[in-house]
Amino acid sequence: MLSFNNVEFNFKNQPVFNELNLNIEESEFVFLIGKSGAGKTTLLQMIYMNLLPQSGYIQFDIYSSDTIKPKKLPNLRRNIGIIFQDFKLLEDRTVFENLAFVLEITGAIRKDVKQKVYQVLSEVGLAHKQKNKINQLSGGEMQRIAIARAIINEPKLIIADEPTGNLDPETSREIVDILYKISSRGTSVLIATHNYELVKKYKSRIIRLINGKAEQVDDSSKL
């Protein structure tokens, strides 16, 4: 479903990736780890083709980085749910409005919007918060809304960039539990994180970025 094929990428003349190869299959739950500066955020941006490789190519579903046209990028990104560490929610709008906006820009009708918003809010346990403004929520609740936003278009892949970075350990576990449940239903999930203790708690594939390449970690107890 997703593959990096001999990808090379430099930033300000500094090498980030060197012949990087990586594959993620349907329904996989994957942690992406690596030291600060190893390129985790860069790799996530390359998945939704906000950044493109200087050499090699990235294949996501039917889309390839070496052939995709700019007008096709919205189609690609509708199949990818993105979760950021800093949430990127619209603070002047309610929870419902934040989620409805995602559907409305795709032309969804009002009846379907209401049904879908309630469905995803129920999935993350926050249906009772739909009328609240974003600034009335806790950090954990904001991240749950960010997850609801990421899954509302039923993407094939969810990518999360340090989704628990600003959260306490208990809330962090709750957030990853939700993502793990989503993956078990058939959606691939890729989580970039520094939280190795959290990684050890889940049955998952672990990929480490090191020296510009991606390597599989076969024993999480050695992290």
N, C-alpha and C. Protein backbone atom coordinates (compact mmCIF):
# COMPACT_ATOMS: atom_id res chain seq x y z
N MET A 1 0.81 -1.21 0.00
CA MET A 1 0.00 0.00 0.00
C MET A 1 0.85 1.27 0.00
N LEU A 2 1.93 1.23 0.81
CA LEU A 2 2.86 2.36 0.87
C LEU A 2 4.28 1.83 0.75
N SER A 3 5.08 2.43 -0.14
CA SER A 3 6.47 2.01 -0.25
C SER A 3 7.37 3.19 -0.57
N PHE A 4 8.53 3.20 0.07
CA PHE A 4 9.63 4.11 -0.26
C PHE A 4 10.65 3.27 -1.00
N ASN A 5 11.05 3.73 -2.17
CA ASN A 5 11.91 2.93 -3.04
C ASN A 5 13.21 3.69 -3.37
N ASN A 6 14.29 3.30 -2.69
CA ASN A 6 15.60 3.94 -2.89
C ASN A 6 15.51 5.46 -2.82
N VAL A 7 14.82 5.94 -1.81
CA VAL A 7 14.57 7.38 -1.68
C VAL A 7 15.80 8.10 -1.14
N GLU A 8 16.17 9.17 -1.82
CA GLU A 8 17.20 10.08 -1.33
C GLU A 8 16.59 11.46 -1.16
N PHE A 9 16.95 12.10 -0.04
CA PHE A 9 16.42 13.44 0.22
C PHE A 9 17.45 14.22 1.01
N ASN A 10 17.74 15.43 0.54
CA ASN A 10 18.66 16.34 1.23
C ASN A 10 17.91 17.60 1.64
N PHE A 11 18.30 18.14 2.77
CA PHE A 11 17.71 19.39 3.24
C PHE A 11 18.83 20.38 3.49
N LYS A 12 18.81 21.49 2.75
CA LYS A 12 19.87 22.51 2.86
C LYS A 12 21.25 21.87 2.70
N ASN A 13 21.34 21.03 1.68
CA ASN A 13 22.58 20.34 1.32
C ASN A 13 23.06 19.33 2.35
N GLN A 14 22.20 19.03 3.33
CA GLN A 14 22.53 18.01 4.31
C GLN A 14 21.71 16.75 4.02
N PRO A 15 22.34 15.58 3.91
CA PRO A 15 21.60 14.36 3.60
C PRO A 15 20.68 13.95 4.75
N VAL A 16 19.43 13.62 4.42
CA VAL A 16 18.47 13.12 5.40
C VAL A 16 18.23 11.63 5.16
N PHE A 17 17.92 11.27 3.92
CA PHE A 17 17.72 9.87 3.55
C PHE A 17 18.68 9.48 2.43
N ASN A 18 19.19 8.27 2.52
CA ASN A 18 20.12 7.75 1.53
C ASN A 18 19.69 6.34 1.13
N GLU A 19 19.12 6.21 -0.06
CA GLU A 19 18.62 4.91 -0.54
C GLU A 19 17.72 4.25 0.51
N LEU A 20 16.77 5.02 1.01
CA LEU A 20 15.85 4.52 2.03
C LEU A 20 14.76 3.67 1.39
N ASN A 21 14.53 2.50 1.96
CA ASN A 21 13.48 1.59 1.50
C ASN A 21 12.58 1.24 2.67
N LEU A 22 11.28 1.25 2.41
CA LEU A 22 10.31 1.04 3.48
C LEU A 22 8.99 0.60 2.87
N ASN A 23 8.33 -0.39 3.49
CA ASN A 23 7.03 -0.85 3.03
C ASN A 23 6.06 -0.95 4.20
N ILE A 24 4.84 -0.50 3.99
CA ILE A 24 3.77 -0.67 4.97
C ILE A 24 2.57 -1.27 4.25
N GLU A 25 2.06 -2.36 4.80
CA GLU A 25 0.95 -3.06 4.18
C GLU A 25 -0.39 -2.61 4.77
N GLU A 26 -1.47 -3.05 4.14
CA GLU A 26 -2.80 -2.74 4.64
C GLU A 26 -2.99 -3.32 6.04
N SER A 27 -3.65 -2.53 6.91
CA SER A 27 -4.02 -2.94 8.27
C SER A 27 -2.84 -3.02 9.23
N GLU A 28 -1.65 -2.64 8.81
CA GLU A 28 -0.50 -2.71 9.71
C GLU A 28 -0.52 -1.58 10.73
N PHE A 29 -0.03 -1.90 11.93
CA PHE A 29 0.16 -0.91 12.99
C PHE A 29 1.67 -0.79 13.19
N VAL A 30 2.22 0.39 12.91
CA VAL A 30 3.67 0.55 12.85
C VAL A 30 4.11 1.75 13.67
N PHE A 31 5.16 1.56 14.46
CA PHE A 31 5.82 2.68 15.14
C PHE A 31 7.06 3.06 14.35
N LEU A 32 7.26 4.38 14.19
CA LEU A 32 8.47 4.92 13.54
C LEU A 32 9.28 5.63 14.61
N ILE A 33 10.49 5.13 14.85
CA ILE A 33 11.32 5.72 15.90
C ILE A 33 12.64 6.21 15.31
N GLY A 34 13.40 6.89 16.14
CA GLY A 34 14.68 7.44 15.71
C GLY A 34 15.02 8.66 16.52
N LYS A 35 16.29 8.99 16.58
CA LYS A 35 16.73 10.16 17.34
C LYS A 35 16.18 11.44 16.72
N SER A 36 16.18 12.51 17.48
CA SER A 36 15.81 13.82 16.95
C SER A 36 16.71 14.15 15.77
N GLY A 37 16.12 14.59 14.68
CA GLY A 37 16.90 14.89 13.48
C GLY A 37 17.08 13.71 12.54
N ALA A 38 16.53 12.56 12.92
CA ALA A 38 16.69 11.37 12.07
C ALA A 38 15.82 11.44 10.83
N GLY A 39 14.78 12.28 10.86
CA GLY A 39 13.95 12.46 9.67
C GLY A 39 12.53 11.94 9.78
N LYS A 40 12.04 11.73 11.01
CA LYS A 40 10.69 11.17 11.18
C LYS A 40 9.62 12.08 10.59
N THR A 41 9.65 13.35 10.93
CA THR A 41 8.65 14.29 10.41
C THR A 41 8.80 14.45 8.91
N THR A 42 10.03 14.47 8.43
CA THR A 42 10.28 14.56 6.99
C THR A 42 9.66 13.38 6.26
N LEU A 43 9.85 12.18 6.81
CA LEU A 43 9.29 10.99 6.17
C LEU A 43 7.77 11.07 6.11
N LEU A 44 7.13 11.53 7.20
CA LEU A 44 5.67 11.64 7.19
C LEU A 44 5.20 12.63 6.14
N GLN A 45 5.91 13.75 6.02
CA GLN A 45 5.53 14.74 5.00
C GLN A 45 5.70 14.18 3.59
N MET A 46 6.64 13.29 3.41
CA MET A 46 6.85 12.70 2.09
C MET A 46 5.72 11.73 1.74
N ILE A 47 5.07 11.15 2.75
CA ILE A 47 3.97 10.23 2.48
C ILE A 47 2.81 10.97 1.82
N TYR A 48 2.48 12.16 2.35
CA TYR A 48 1.39 12.91 1.70
C TYR A 48 1.93 13.91 0.67
N MET A 49 3.18 13.71 0.32
CA MET A 49 3.84 14.39 -0.80
C MET A 49 3.84 15.91 -0.66
N ASN A 50 4.00 16.34 0.59
CA ASN A 50 4.31 17.74 0.84
C ASN A 50 5.77 18.00 0.52
N LEU A 51 6.58 16.94 0.64
CA LEU A 51 7.97 16.94 0.21
C LEU A 51 8.16 15.80 -0.77
N LEU A 52 9.02 15.99 -1.75
CA LEU A 52 9.27 14.96 -2.76
C LEU A 52 10.75 14.57 -2.76
N PRO A 53 11.06 13.32 -3.02
CA PRO A 53 12.46 12.88 -3.02
C PRO A 53 13.25 13.46 -4.18
N GLN A 54 14.55 13.63 -3.97
CA GLN A 54 15.41 14.04 -5.07
C GLN A 54 15.78 12.86 -5.97
N SER A 55 15.67 11.66 -5.39
CA SER A 55 15.95 10.45 -6.16
C SER A 55 15.11 9.32 -5.57
N GLY A 56 14.80 8.32 -6.39
CA GLY A 56 13.90 7.27 -5.96
C GLY A 56 12.46 7.77 -6.02
N TYR A 57 11.54 6.95 -5.50
CA TYR A 57 10.14 7.37 -5.55
C TYR A 57 9.35 6.75 -4.40
N ILE A 58 8.22 7.37 -4.12
CA ILE A 58 7.29 6.91 -3.09
C ILE A 58 6.00 6.51 -3.77
N GLN A 59 5.50 5.34 -3.44
CA GLN A 59 4.24 4.86 -3.99
C GLN A 59 3.23 4.73 -2.85
N PHE A 60 2.10 5.42 -2.98
CA PHE A 60 1.00 5.25 -2.04
C PHE A 60 -0.26 4.93 -2.83
N ASP A 61 -0.77 3.74 -2.62
CA ASP A 61 -1.95 3.30 -3.36
C ASP A 61 -1.67 3.43 -4.86
N ILE A 62 -2.48 4.20 -5.59
CA ILE A 62 -2.26 4.34 -7.03
C ILE A 62 -1.37 5.52 -7.38
N TYR A 63 -0.88 6.23 -6.36
CA TYR A 63 -0.14 7.47 -6.60
C TYR A 63 1.36 7.27 -6.42
N SER A 64 2.12 7.83 -7.36
CA SER A 64 3.58 7.75 -7.30
C SER A 64 4.16 9.16 -7.29
N SER A 65 5.17 9.37 -6.45
CA SER A 65 5.75 10.70 -6.32
C SER A 65 6.41 11.18 -7.60
N ASP A 66 6.83 10.26 -8.47
CA ASP A 66 7.52 10.70 -9.69
C ASP A 66 6.58 10.99 -10.86
N THR A 67 5.27 10.72 -10.67
CA THR A 67 4.33 10.99 -11.77
C THR A 67 3.12 11.82 -11.35
N ILE A 68 2.90 12.01 -10.04
CA ILE A 68 1.68 12.68 -9.60
C ILE A 68 1.65 14.14 -10.04
N LYS A 69 0.48 14.58 -10.48
CA LYS A 69 0.26 15.97 -10.87
C LYS A 69 -0.31 16.73 -9.66
N PRO A 70 0.01 18.03 -9.54
CA PRO A 70 -0.48 18.82 -8.40
C PRO A 70 -1.99 18.72 -8.19
N LYS A 71 -2.76 18.65 -9.27
CA LYS A 71 -4.23 18.61 -9.14
C LYS A 71 -4.70 17.30 -8.52
N LYS A 72 -3.84 16.28 -8.47
CA LYS A 72 -4.21 14.99 -7.90
C LYS A 72 -3.85 14.89 -6.41
N LEU A 73 -3.10 15.86 -5.89
CA LEU A 73 -2.69 15.81 -4.49
C LEU A 73 -3.88 15.78 -3.52
N PRO A 74 -4.94 16.58 -3.76
CA PRO A 74 -6.10 16.48 -2.84
C PRO A 74 -6.71 15.09 -2.80
N ASN A 75 -6.74 14.40 -3.94
CA ASN A 75 -7.27 13.03 -3.96
C ASN A 75 -6.42 12.10 -3.12
N LEU A 76 -5.11 12.21 -3.26
CA LEU A 76 -4.20 11.40 -2.45
C LEU A 76 -4.41 11.68 -0.97
N ARG A 77 -4.48 12.95 -0.60
CA ARG A 77 -4.54 13.32 0.82
C ARG A 77 -5.86 12.98 1.47
N ARG A 78 -6.92 12.81 0.68
CA ARG A 78 -8.19 12.37 1.26
C ARG A 78 -8.11 10.92 1.73
N ASN A 79 -7.11 10.20 1.26
CA ASN A 79 -6.92 8.81 1.67
C ASN A 79 -5.92 8.66 2.81
N ILE A 80 -5.46 9.80 3.34
CA ILE A 80 -4.50 9.79 4.44
C ILE A 80 -5.02 10.69 5.56
N GLY A 81 -5.19 10.11 6.74
CA GLY A 81 -5.56 10.91 7.91
C GLY A 81 -4.30 11.33 8.64
N ILE A 82 -4.18 12.62 8.96
CA ILE A 82 -2.95 13.15 9.55
C ILE A 82 -3.25 13.69 10.95
N ILE A 83 -2.44 13.25 11.92
CA ILE A 83 -2.58 13.69 13.31
C ILE A 83 -1.28 14.37 13.72
N PHE A 84 -1.39 15.62 14.19
CA PHE A 84 -0.22 16.41 14.56
C PHE A 84 -0.10 16.49 16.08
N GLN A 85 1.12 16.71 16.55
CA GLN A 85 1.36 16.86 17.99
C GLN A 85 0.63 18.08 18.54
N ASP A 86 0.58 19.16 17.76
CA ASP A 86 -0.05 20.39 18.24
C ASP A 86 -1.49 20.53 17.76
N PHE A 87 -2.10 19.42 17.38
CA PHE A 87 -3.53 19.30 17.09
C PHE A 87 -3.98 19.99 15.80
N LYS A 88 -3.62 21.26 15.61
CA LYS A 88 -4.02 22.05 14.44
C LYS A 88 -5.54 22.08 14.26
N LEU A 89 -6.24 22.28 15.37
CA LEU A 89 -7.69 22.44 15.34
C LEU A 89 -8.04 23.93 15.26
N LEU A 90 -9.25 24.23 14.79
CA LEU A 90 -9.72 25.61 14.66
C LEU A 90 -10.33 26.04 15.98
N GLU A 91 -9.59 26.84 16.75
CA GLU A 91 -9.98 27.13 18.12
C GLU A 91 -11.23 28.01 18.23
N ASP A 92 -11.56 28.74 17.16
CA ASP A 92 -12.74 29.61 17.22
C ASP A 92 -14.02 28.88 16.82
N ARG A 93 -13.92 27.57 16.58
CA ARG A 93 -15.09 26.79 16.18
C ARG A 93 -15.35 25.68 17.20
N THR A 94 -16.57 25.15 17.15
CA THR A 94 -16.92 24.06 18.04
C THR A 94 -16.30 22.76 17.54
N VAL A 95 -16.39 21.75 18.38
CA VAL A 95 -15.93 20.42 17.99
C VAL A 95 -16.67 19.96 16.74
N PHE A 96 -17.99 20.12 16.74
CA PHE A 96 -18.78 19.70 15.58
C PHE A 96 -18.32 20.44 14.32
N GLU A 97 -18.12 21.74 14.43
CA GLU A 97 -17.74 22.54 13.27
C GLU A 97 -16.36 22.14 12.74
N ASN A 98 -15.43 21.80 13.63
CA ASN A 98 -14.11 21.35 13.19
C ASN A 98 -14.20 20.10 12.33
N LEU A 99 -15.07 19.18 12.72
CA LEU A 99 -15.19 17.92 11.99
C LEU A 99 -16.05 18.08 10.75
N ALA A 100 -17.12 18.85 10.87
CA ALA A 100 -18.00 19.05 9.72
C ALA A 100 -17.27 19.73 8.57
N PHE A 101 -16.35 20.62 8.90
CA PHE A 101 -15.59 21.35 7.88
C PHE A 101 -14.85 20.41 6.96
N VAL A 102 -14.29 19.33 7.52
CA VAL A 102 -13.53 18.36 6.72
C VAL A 102 -14.43 17.72 5.67
N LEU A 103 -15.67 17.43 6.03
CA LEU A 103 -16.61 16.81 5.09
C LEU A 103 -17.19 17.80 4.11
N GLU A 104 -17.46 19.01 4.59
CA GLU A 104 -18.10 20.01 3.73
C GLU A 104 -17.23 20.40 2.55
N ILE A 105 -15.90 20.41 2.75
CA ILE A 105 -15.03 20.80 1.63
C ILE A 105 -14.97 19.72 0.55
N THR A 106 -15.48 18.51 0.88
CA THR A 106 -15.56 17.46 -0.13
C THR A 106 -16.94 17.39 -0.76
N GLY A 107 -17.84 18.31 -0.33
CA GLY A 107 -19.17 18.37 -0.94
C GLY A 107 -20.22 17.48 -0.30
N ALA A 108 -19.95 16.97 0.91
CA ALA A 108 -20.92 16.10 1.59
C ALA A 108 -22.19 16.87 1.93
N ILE A 109 -23.34 16.19 1.86
CA ILE A 109 -24.61 16.85 2.19
C ILE A 109 -24.78 16.91 3.70
N ARG A 110 -25.60 17.87 4.16
CA ARG A 110 -25.72 18.18 5.59
C ARG A 110 -26.13 16.96 6.42
N LYS A 111 -27.09 16.18 5.92
CA LYS A 111 -27.56 15.02 6.67
C LYS A 111 -26.43 14.03 6.91
N ASP A 112 -25.64 13.79 5.88
CA ASP A 112 -24.53 12.85 6.01
C ASP A 112 -23.45 13.40 6.93
N VAL A 113 -23.26 14.72 6.89
CA VAL A 113 -22.26 15.36 7.74
C VAL A 113 -22.60 15.13 9.22
N LYS A 114 -23.83 15.39 9.59
CA LYS A 114 -24.24 15.23 10.98
C LYS A 114 -24.08 13.79 11.45
N GLN A 115 -24.47 12.85 10.61
CA GLN A 115 -24.38 11.44 10.97
C GLN A 115 -22.93 11.00 11.13
N LYS A 116 -22.08 11.44 10.21
CA LYS A 116 -20.68 11.03 10.24
C LYS A 116 -19.94 11.66 11.42
N VAL A 117 -20.23 12.92 11.70
CA VAL A 117 -19.57 13.59 12.83
C VAL A 117 -19.93 12.88 14.13
N TYR A 118 -21.20 12.57 14.31
CA TYR A 118 -21.61 11.88 15.54
C TYR A 118 -20.94 10.51 15.63
N GLN A 119 -20.83 9.83 14.50
CA GLN A 119 -20.22 8.50 14.48
C GLN A 119 -18.77 8.53 14.95
N VAL A 120 -17.97 9.46 14.39
CA VAL A 120 -16.55 9.49 14.76
C VAL A 120 -16.35 10.02 16.18
N LEU A 121 -17.22 10.93 16.61
CA LEU A 121 -17.12 11.42 18.00
C LEU A 121 -17.44 10.30 18.99
N SER A 122 -18.40 9.47 18.64
CA SER A 122 -18.72 8.32 19.49
C SER A 122 -17.55 7.36 19.55
N GLU A 123 -16.86 7.23 18.43
CA GLU A 123 -15.72 6.30 18.36
C GLU A 123 -14.59 6.72 19.27
N VAL A 124 -14.40 8.02 19.45
CA VAL A 124 -13.33 8.50 20.33
C VAL A 124 -13.86 8.89 21.71
N GLY A 125 -15.13 8.61 21.97
CA GLY A 125 -15.71 8.83 23.29
C GLY A 125 -16.02 10.27 23.64
N LEU A 126 -16.30 11.10 22.63
CA LEU A 126 -16.53 12.53 22.92
C LEU A 126 -17.79 13.07 22.25
N ALA A 127 -18.79 12.22 22.03
CA ALA A 127 -20.03 12.69 21.42
C ALA A 127 -20.69 13.79 22.25
N HIS A 128 -20.49 13.74 23.57
CA HIS A 128 -21.10 14.73 24.46
C HIS A 128 -20.40 16.09 24.41
N LYS A 129 -19.29 16.19 23.67
CA LYS A 129 -18.53 17.44 23.60
C LYS A 129 -18.72 18.17 22.28
N GLN A 130 -19.65 17.73 21.44
CA GLN A 130 -19.73 18.27 20.09
C GLN A 130 -20.02 19.78 20.04
N LYS A 131 -20.66 20.33 21.07
CA LYS A 131 -20.99 21.77 21.07
C LYS A 131 -19.93 22.61 21.76
N ASN A 132 -18.93 21.98 22.34
CA ASN A 132 -17.88 22.72 23.03
C ASN A 132 -16.93 23.38 22.05
N LYS A 133 -16.41 24.55 22.42
CA LYS A 133 -15.33 25.16 21.67
C LYS A 133 -14.03 24.39 21.98
N ILE A 134 -13.11 24.44 21.07
CA ILE A 134 -11.85 23.69 21.22
C ILE A 134 -11.10 24.13 22.47
N ASN A 135 -11.13 25.44 22.79
CA ASN A 135 -10.38 25.92 23.96
C ASN A 135 -11.01 25.52 25.29
N GLN A 136 -12.13 24.80 25.23
CA GLN A 136 -12.76 24.29 26.45
C GLN A 136 -12.36 22.83 26.72
N LEU A 137 -11.49 22.28 25.89
CA LEU A 137 -11.11 20.88 25.99
C LEU A 137 -9.73 20.72 26.63
N SER A 138 -9.50 19.56 27.23
CA SER A 138 -8.17 19.22 27.73
C SER A 138 -7.29 18.80 26.56
N GLY A 139 -5.99 18.66 26.82
CA GLY A 139 -5.07 18.24 25.77
C GLY A 139 -5.43 16.87 25.22
N GLY A 140 -5.78 15.95 26.10
CA GLY A 140 -6.17 14.62 25.66
C GLY A 140 -7.42 14.64 24.82
N GLU A 141 -8.39 15.48 25.21
CA GLU A 141 -9.62 15.60 24.43
C GLU A 141 -9.34 16.20 23.05
N MET A 142 -8.45 17.20 23.00
CA MET A 142 -8.09 17.78 21.71
C MET A 142 -7.48 16.73 20.79
N GLN A 143 -6.64 15.86 21.34
CA GLN A 143 -6.02 14.85 20.49
C GLN A 143 -7.05 13.82 20.03
N ARG A 144 -8.03 13.53 20.85
CA ARG A 144 -9.11 12.63 20.43
C ARG A 144 -9.90 13.25 19.27
N ILE A 145 -10.13 14.56 19.35
CA ILE A 145 -10.82 15.25 18.25
C ILE A 145 -9.96 15.21 16.99
N ALA A 146 -8.65 15.36 17.17
CA ALA A 146 -7.74 15.28 16.02
C ALA A 146 -7.80 13.89 15.38
N ILE A 147 -7.94 12.86 16.20
CA ILE A 147 -8.09 11.51 15.67
C ILE A 147 -9.42 11.39 14.91
N ALA A 148 -10.49 11.92 15.51
CA ALA A 148 -11.80 11.88 14.85
C ALA A 148 -11.72 12.57 13.49
N ARG A 149 -11.03 13.69 13.43
CA ARG A 149 -10.87 14.41 12.16
C ARG A 149 -10.09 13.56 11.16
N ALA A 150 -9.09 12.85 11.65
CA ALA A 150 -8.24 12.05 10.76
C ALA A 150 -8.99 10.86 10.16
N ILE A 151 -9.97 10.32 10.88
CA ILE A 151 -10.65 9.12 10.39
C ILE A 151 -11.98 9.42 9.71
N ILE A 152 -12.42 10.68 9.71
CA ILE A 152 -13.77 10.98 9.26
C ILE A 152 -13.99 10.69 7.78
N ASN A 153 -12.94 10.76 6.98
CA ASN A 153 -13.06 10.44 5.55
C ASN A 153 -12.72 8.98 5.25
N GLU A 154 -12.61 8.17 6.30
CA GLU A 154 -12.31 6.74 6.16
C GLU A 154 -11.06 6.51 5.30
N PRO A 155 -9.92 7.05 5.76
CA PRO A 155 -8.68 6.93 4.98
C PRO A 155 -8.13 5.52 5.00
N LYS A 156 -7.24 5.24 4.07
CA LYS A 156 -6.56 3.94 4.04
C LYS A 156 -5.39 3.91 5.01
N LEU A 157 -4.87 5.10 5.33
CA LEU A 157 -3.69 5.21 6.19
C LEU A 157 -3.85 6.39 7.12
N ILE A 158 -3.47 6.19 8.38
CA ILE A 158 -3.38 7.29 9.35
C ILE A 158 -1.91 7.44 9.72
N ILE A 159 -1.41 8.68 9.67
CA ILE A 159 -0.05 8.96 10.12
C ILE A 159 -0.15 9.95 11.28
N ALA A 160 0.64 9.70 12.31
CA ALA A 160 0.59 10.53 13.51
C ALA A 160 2.01 10.94 13.90
N ASP A 161 2.23 12.25 14.01
CA ASP A 161 3.55 12.79 14.33
C ASP A 161 3.61 13.15 15.81
N GLU A 162 4.25 12.30 16.62
CA GLU A 162 4.37 12.51 18.07
C GLU A 162 3.00 12.85 18.69
N PRO A 163 1.98 12.01 18.49
CA PRO A 163 0.63 12.35 18.95
C PRO A 163 0.48 12.39 20.46
N THR A 164 1.46 11.83 21.20
CA THR A 164 1.37 11.83 22.66
C THR A 164 2.44 12.72 23.29
N GLY A 165 3.12 13.51 22.48
CA GLY A 165 4.26 14.28 22.96
C GLY A 165 3.94 15.26 24.07
N ASN A 166 2.71 15.80 24.10
CA ASN A 166 2.34 16.78 25.11
C ASN A 166 1.39 16.22 26.16
N LEU A 167 1.27 14.89 26.23
CA LEU A 167 0.27 14.27 27.09
C LEU A 167 0.91 13.45 28.21
N ASP A 168 0.18 13.27 29.30
CA ASP A 168 0.66 12.45 30.41
C ASP A 168 0.60 10.98 30.02
N PRO A 169 1.31 10.10 30.76
CA PRO A 169 1.38 8.68 30.37
C PRO A 169 0.02 7.99 30.24
N GLU A 170 -0.91 8.24 31.15
CA GLU A 170 -2.22 7.57 31.08
C GLU A 170 -2.98 8.00 29.85
N THR A 171 -3.00 9.30 29.59
CA THR A 171 -3.70 9.81 28.40
C THR A 171 -3.02 9.34 27.13
N SER A 172 -1.69 9.27 27.15
CA SER A 172 -0.95 8.79 25.98
C SER A 172 -1.37 7.37 25.64
N ARG A 173 -1.50 6.53 26.65
CA ARG A 173 -1.92 5.14 26.42
C ARG A 173 -3.33 5.10 25.84
N GLU A 174 -4.22 5.96 26.33
CA GLU A 174 -5.60 5.99 25.82
C GLU A 174 -5.62 6.38 24.34
N ILE A 175 -4.78 7.34 23.96
CA ILE A 175 -4.72 7.79 22.57
C ILE A 175 -4.23 6.67 21.66
N VAL A 176 -3.17 5.99 22.06
CA VAL A 176 -2.63 4.91 21.23
C VAL A 176 -3.59 3.73 21.20
N ASP A 177 -4.31 3.49 22.29
CA ASP A 177 -5.32 2.42 22.31
C ASP A 177 -6.38 2.66 21.23
N ILE A 178 -6.80 3.92 21.09
CA ILE A 178 -7.80 4.26 20.07
C ILE A 178 -7.24 3.97 18.68
N LEU A 179 -6.01 4.38 18.44
CA LEU A 179 -5.38 4.16 17.13
C LEU A 179 -5.18 2.67 16.86
N TYR A 180 -4.85 1.92 17.91
CA TYR A 180 -4.66 0.47 17.76
C TYR A 180 -5.99 -0.19 17.37
N LYS A 181 -7.06 0.25 17.98
CA LYS A 181 -8.39 -0.28 17.67
C LYS A 181 -8.76 0.04 16.22
N ILE A 182 -8.47 1.25 15.79
CA ILE A 182 -8.75 1.65 14.40
C ILE A 182 -7.98 0.75 13.43
N SER A 183 -6.73 0.47 13.75
CA SER A 183 -5.91 -0.39 12.89
C SER A 183 -6.48 -1.79 12.81
N SER A 184 -7.01 -2.29 13.92
CA SER A 184 -7.54 -3.66 13.94
C SER A 184 -8.74 -3.83 13.02
N ARG A 185 -9.35 -2.71 12.61
CA ARG A 185 -10.51 -2.78 11.71
C ARG A 185 -10.10 -2.63 10.25
N GLY A 186 -8.79 -2.49 9.97
CA GLY A 186 -8.36 -2.50 8.59
C GLY A 186 -7.65 -1.26 8.08
N THR A 187 -7.52 -0.23 8.93
CA THR A 187 -6.81 0.98 8.53
C THR A 187 -5.36 0.90 8.98
N SER A 188 -4.43 1.14 8.08
CA SER A 188 -3.01 1.16 8.47
C SER A 188 -2.72 2.39 9.31
N VAL A 189 -1.87 2.22 10.32
CA VAL A 189 -1.51 3.33 11.21
C VAL A 189 0.01 3.38 11.35
N LEU A 190 0.57 4.57 11.16
CA LEU A 190 2.00 4.80 11.33
C LEU A 190 2.19 5.93 12.34
N ILE A 191 2.84 5.63 13.46
CA ILE A 191 3.02 6.60 14.54
C ILE A 191 4.50 6.90 14.72
N ALA A 192 4.90 8.15 14.54
CA ALA A 192 6.25 8.58 14.83
C ALA A 192 6.32 9.00 16.29
N THR A 193 7.28 8.47 17.03
CA THR A 193 7.32 8.76 18.47
C THR A 193 8.74 8.64 19.03
N HIS A 194 8.96 9.37 20.15
CA HIS A 194 10.17 9.20 20.96
C HIS A 194 9.88 8.34 22.18
N ASN A 195 8.61 8.02 22.40
CA ASN A 195 8.20 7.36 23.64
C ASN A 195 8.39 5.84 23.53
N TYR A 196 9.61 5.38 23.81
CA TYR A 196 9.92 3.97 23.64
C TYR A 196 9.18 3.10 24.65
N GLU A 197 8.90 3.62 25.84
CA GLU A 197 8.16 2.83 26.83
C GLU A 197 6.75 2.54 26.32
N LEU A 198 6.17 3.48 25.63
CA LEU A 198 4.85 3.27 25.05
C LEU A 198 4.92 2.25 23.92
N VAL A 199 5.96 2.33 23.11
CA VAL A 199 6.14 1.40 21.99
C VAL A 199 6.17 -0.04 22.50
N LYS A 200 6.82 -0.27 23.62
CA LYS A 200 6.98 -1.62 24.16
C LYS A 200 5.67 -2.26 24.59
N LYS A 201 4.63 -1.46 24.76
CA LYS A 201 3.37 -1.98 25.29
C LYS A 201 2.45 -2.56 24.21
N TYR A 202 2.84 -2.44 22.94
CA TYR A 202 1.93 -2.85 21.87
C TYR A 202 2.59 -3.87 20.95
N LYS A 203 1.75 -4.78 20.47
CA LYS A 203 2.20 -5.72 19.44
C LYS A 203 2.15 -4.97 18.12
N SER A 204 3.32 -4.70 17.57
CA SER A 204 3.38 -3.84 16.38
C SER A 204 4.68 -4.10 15.64
N ARG A 205 4.77 -3.52 14.46
CA ARG A 205 6.05 -3.48 13.75
C ARG A 205 6.75 -2.18 14.13
N ILE A 206 8.05 -2.25 14.29
CA ILE A 206 8.82 -1.07 14.68
C ILE A 206 9.88 -0.82 13.62
N ILE A 207 9.91 0.42 13.12
CA ILE A 207 10.90 0.82 12.13
C ILE A 207 11.73 1.96 12.71
N ARG A 208 13.04 1.81 12.64
CA ARG A 208 13.95 2.83 13.15
C ARG A 208 14.63 3.54 11.99
N LEU A 209 14.65 4.87 12.03
CA LEU A 209 15.43 5.66 11.09
C LEU A 209 16.80 5.90 11.68
N ILE A 210 17.83 5.49 10.94
CA ILE A 210 19.21 5.64 11.43
C ILE A 210 20.14 5.75 10.24
N ASN A 211 21.01 6.76 10.27
CA ASN A 211 22.00 6.98 9.21
C ASN A 211 21.36 7.05 7.82
N GLY A 212 20.20 7.68 7.75
CA GLY A 212 19.55 7.90 6.47
C GLY A 212 18.80 6.72 5.90
N LYS A 213 18.69 5.65 6.68
CA LYS A 213 18.00 4.44 6.21
C LYS A 213 16.95 4.01 7.22
N ALA A 214 16.11 3.05 6.81
CA ALA A 214 15.08 2.50 7.69
C ALA A 214 15.42 1.05 7.99
N GLU A 215 15.44 0.70 9.27
CA GLU A 215 15.71 -0.67 9.66
C GLU A 215 14.61 -1.20 10.56
N GLN A 216 14.34 -2.49 10.44
CA GLN A 216 13.33 -3.12 11.27
C GLN A 216 13.91 -3.46 12.63
N VAL A 217 13.13 -3.17 13.70
CA VAL A 217 13.53 -3.54 15.06
C VAL A 217 12.74 -4.79 15.44
N ASP A 218 13.42 -5.88 15.67
CA ASP A 218 12.74 -7.15 15.90
C ASP A 218 12.47 -7.43 17.37
N ASP A 219 13.12 -6.70 18.27
CA ASP A 219 12.95 -6.94 19.70
C ASP A 219 12.77 -5.61 20.42
N SER A 220 11.52 -5.27 20.76
CA SER A 220 11.25 -3.97 21.38
C SER A 220 11.85 -3.87 22.77
N SER A 221 12.15 -4.99 23.42
CA SER A 221 12.72 -4.94 24.76
C SER A 221 14.13 -4.35 24.76
N LYS A 222 14.75 -4.29 23.56
CA LYS A 222 16.12 -3.76 23.46
C LYS A 222 16.16 -2.27 23.11
N LEU A 223 14.98 -1.65 23.06
CA LEU A 223 14.96 -0.22 22.74
C LEU A 223 15.57 0.59 23.87
